[in-house]
Amino acid sequence: MKQLFCAALAALAMYGCAMPNTTVQSGQGRPTLRVVGAPPQSVLVVDGIQMGQAAAFDGAQSVLKIEEGPHQVEIRQGSRALLTRSIFAAGGESVSIEVSAEQPQ
């Protein structure tokens, strides 16, 4: 009986000593990227990964959520790079890339 009582008491003590549950959140969301003036059929490439049609990320339809830090952004049409830019995104900011006809090929 004494062993059963000790076992029950030990189980109750362990149940009450659960590890604390904590979460950490910053006050700001992830940074976003929007592409303005992308021609039809152009593709957005971020850090070497195709994200989809560049015009879809114009800010009106949607934006691309990216991680904080440096990124290499390209707007490609076929095998041709229309724009290549290095950006740094931080703290929930919205980074805008504008594609224009005057940019070097």
C-alpha atoms as a PDB file:
ATOM      1  CA  MET A   1       0.000   0.000   0.000  1.00  0.00           C
ATOM      2  CA  LYS A   2       2.856   2.318   0.892  1.00  0.00           C
ATOM      3  CA  GLN A   3       4.500   1.654  -2.526  1.00  0.00           C
ATOM      4  CA  LEU A   4       1.246   2.420  -4.360  1.00  0.00           C
ATOM      5  CA  PHE A   5       0.867   5.662  -2.424  1.00  0.00           C
ATOM      6  CA  CYS A   6       4.476   6.674  -3.213  1.00  0.00           C
ATOM      7  CA  ALA A   7       4.034   5.844  -6.898  1.00  0.00           C
ATOM      8  CA  ALA A   8       0.805   7.897  -7.082  1.00  0.00           C
ATOM      9  CA  LEU A   9       2.476  10.803  -5.277  1.00  0.00           C
ATOM     10  CA  ALA A  10       5.483  10.673  -7.661  1.00  0.00           C
ATOM     11  CA  ALA A  11       3.184  10.607 -10.709  1.00  0.00           C
ATOM     12  CA  LEU A  12       1.216  13.586  -9.384  1.00  0.00           C
ATOM     13  CA  ALA A  13       4.443  15.523  -8.718  1.00  0.00           C
ATOM     14  CA  MET A  14       5.715  14.853 -12.254  1.00  0.00           C
ATOM     15  CA  TYR A  15       2.381  15.872 -13.771  1.00  0.00           C
ATOM     16  CA  GLY A  16       2.559  19.213 -11.954  1.00  0.00           C
ATOM     17  CA  CYS A  17       6.127  19.833 -13.101  1.00  0.00           C
ATOM     18  CA  ALA A  18       5.471  20.121 -16.826  1.00  0.00           C
ATOM     19  CA  MET A  19       7.989  22.090 -18.850  1.00  0.00           C
ATOM     20  CA  PRO A  20       6.943  25.683 -19.500  1.00  0.00           C
ATOM     21  CA  ASN A  21       5.409  26.390 -22.881  1.00  0.00           C
ATOM     22  CA  THR A  22       6.872  29.550 -24.415  1.00  0.00           C
ATOM     23  CA  THR A  23       6.786  31.166 -27.830  1.00  0.00           C
ATOM     24  CA  VAL A  24       8.788  34.051 -29.224  1.00  0.00           C
ATOM     25  CA  GLN A  25       7.324  36.394 -31.792  1.00  0.00           C
ATOM     26  CA  SER A  26       8.689  39.594 -33.182  1.00  0.00           C
ATOM     27  CA  GLY A  27       6.312  42.490 -33.429  1.00  0.00           C
ATOM     28  CA  GLN A  28       6.732  42.640 -37.177  1.00  0.00           C
ATOM     29  CA  GLY A  29       5.733  40.278 -39.956  1.00  0.00           C
ATOM     30  CA  ARG A  30       7.974  38.882 -42.649  1.00  0.00           C
ATOM     31  CA  PRO A  31       9.250  41.274 -45.298  1.00  0.00           C
ATOM     32  CA  THR A  32       7.460  41.301 -48.645  1.00  0.00           C
ATOM     33  CA  LEU A  33       8.564  41.852 -52.223  1.00  0.00           C
ATOM     34  CA  ARG A  34       6.457  43.424 -54.948  1.00  0.00           C
ATOM     35  CA  VAL A  35       7.283  43.826 -58.631  1.00  0.00           C
ATOM     36  CA  VAL A  36       5.968  46.873 -60.504  1.00  0.00           C
ATOM     37  CA  GLY A  37       5.772  47.016 -64.300  1.00  0.00           C
ATOM     38  CA  ALA A  38       6.759  43.436 -65.063  1.00  0.00           C
ATOM     39  CA  PRO A  39       5.978  42.479 -68.678  1.00  0.00           C
ATOM     40  CA  PRO A  40       3.639  39.580 -69.432  1.00  0.00           C
ATOM     41  CA  GLN A  41       5.243  36.139 -69.351  1.00  0.00           C
ATOM     42  CA  SER A  42       8.186  37.342 -67.231  1.00  0.00           C
ATOM     43  CA  VAL A  43       9.192  35.222 -64.250  1.00  0.00           C
ATOM     44  CA  LEU A  44      10.305  36.303 -60.776  1.00  0.00           C
ATOM     45  CA  VAL A  45      13.418  34.475 -59.537  1.00  0.00           C
ATOM     46  CA  VAL A  46      14.584  34.965 -55.940  1.00  0.00           C
ATOM     47  CA  ASP A  47      17.892  33.448 -54.854  1.00  0.00           C
ATOM     48  CA  GLY A  48      17.873  31.177 -57.915  1.00  0.00           C
ATOM     49  CA  ILE A  49      14.352  29.814 -57.278  1.00  0.00           C
ATOM     50  CA  GLN A  50      11.484  30.563 -59.677  1.00  0.00           C
ATOM     51  CA  MET A  51       8.563  32.061 -57.765  1.00  0.00           C
ATOM     52  CA  GLY A  52       6.085  32.382 -60.635  1.00  0.00           C
ATOM     53  CA  GLN A  53       4.846  35.055 -63.025  1.00  0.00           C
ATOM     54  CA  ALA A  54       6.416  38.361 -61.975  1.00  0.00           C
ATOM     55  CA  ALA A  55       3.271  40.354 -62.791  1.00  0.00           C
ATOM     56  CA  ALA A  56       1.345  38.326 -60.187  1.00  0.00           C
ATOM     57  CA  PHE A  57       3.400  39.973 -57.419  1.00  0.00           C
ATOM     58  CA  ASP A  58       2.436  43.556 -58.299  1.00  0.00           C
ATOM     59  CA  GLY A  59       1.059  44.427 -54.866  1.00  0.00           C
ATOM     60  CA  ALA A  60      -2.539  44.532 -56.104  1.00  0.00           C
ATOM     61  CA  GLN A  61      -2.906  40.803 -56.782  1.00  0.00           C
ATOM     62  CA  SER A  62      -0.407  39.659 -54.173  1.00  0.00           C
ATOM     63  CA  VAL A  63       3.086  40.141 -52.772  1.00  0.00           C
ATOM     64  CA  LEU A  64       5.815  37.602 -52.127  1.00  0.00           C
ATOM     65  CA  LYS A  65       6.712  37.002 -48.483  1.00  0.00           C
ATOM     66  CA  ILE A  66      10.468  36.595 -48.136  1.00  0.00           C
ATOM     67  CA  GLU A  67      12.822  35.908 -45.275  1.00  0.00           C
ATOM     68  CA  GLU A  68      14.783  38.698 -43.625  1.00  0.00           C
ATOM     69  CA  GLY A  69      18.243  39.218 -45.047  1.00  0.00           C
ATOM     70  CA  PRO A  70      19.993  39.642 -48.379  1.00  0.00           C
ATOM     71  CA  HIS A  71      18.451  38.308 -51.595  1.00  0.00           C
ATOM     72  CA  GLN A  72      19.321  38.178 -55.286  1.00  0.00           C
ATOM     73  CA  VAL A  73      16.242  39.087 -57.356  1.00  0.00           C
ATOM     74  CA  GLU A  74      15.870  38.572 -61.113  1.00  0.00           C
ATOM     75  CA  ILE A  75      13.065  39.225 -63.534  1.00  0.00           C
ATOM     76  CA  ARG A  76      13.530  36.874 -66.485  1.00  0.00           C
ATOM     77  CA  GLN A  77      11.761  36.563 -69.801  1.00  0.00           C
ATOM     78  CA  GLY A  78      12.749  33.287 -71.381  1.00  0.00           C
ATOM     79  CA  SER A  79      16.512  32.940 -71.045  1.00  0.00           C
ATOM     80  CA  ARG A  80      17.034  36.718 -70.876  1.00  0.00           C
ATOM     81  CA  ALA A  81      17.399  38.584 -67.572  1.00  0.00           C
ATOM     82  CA  LEU A  82      15.404  41.825 -67.725  1.00  0.00           C
ATOM     83  CA  LEU A  83      16.533  42.927 -64.280  1.00  0.00           C
ATOM     84  CA  THR A  84      19.003  41.678 -61.701  1.00  0.00           C
ATOM     85  CA  ARG A  85      19.131  43.324 -58.308  1.00  0.00           C
ATOM     86  CA  SER A  86      20.548  42.628 -54.859  1.00  0.00           C
ATOM     87  CA  ILE A  87      18.220  43.620 -52.017  1.00  0.00           C
ATOM     88  CA  PHE A  88      18.223  43.480 -48.241  1.00  0.00           C
ATOM     89  CA  ALA A  89      14.859  43.012 -46.530  1.00  0.00           C
ATOM     90  CA  ALA A  90      14.272  43.385 -42.806  1.00  0.00           C
ATOM     91  CA  GLY A  91      11.688  43.981 -40.144  1.00  0.00           C
ATOM     92  CA  GLY A  92       8.430  43.553 -42.014  1.00  0.00           C
ATOM     93  CA  GLU A  93       9.271  46.108 -44.684  1.00  0.00           C
ATOM     94  CA  SER A  94       7.900  45.986 -48.217  1.00  0.00           C
ATOM     95  CA  VAL A  95      10.595  46.042 -50.912  1.00  0.00           C
ATOM     96  CA  SER A  96       9.506  47.270 -54.342  1.00  0.00           C
ATOM     97  CA  ILE A  97      11.289  46.393 -57.581  1.00  0.00           C
ATOM     98  CA  GLU A  98      10.363  48.412 -60.652  1.00  0.00           C
ATOM     99  CA  VAL A  99      10.892  46.951 -64.119  1.00  0.00           C
ATOM    100  CA  SER A 100      11.140  49.558 -66.854  1.00  0.00           C
ATOM    101  CA  ALA A 101      11.987  49.511 -70.536  1.00  0.00           C
ATOM    102  CA  GLU A 102      15.013  51.777 -69.985  1.00  0.00           C
ATOM    103  CA  GLN A 103      16.911  49.289 -67.812  1.00  0.00           C
ATOM    104  CA  PRO A 104      20.086  47.777 -69.243  1.00  0.00           C
ATOM    105  CA  GLN A 105      19.698  44.376 -70.828  1.00  0.00           C
END
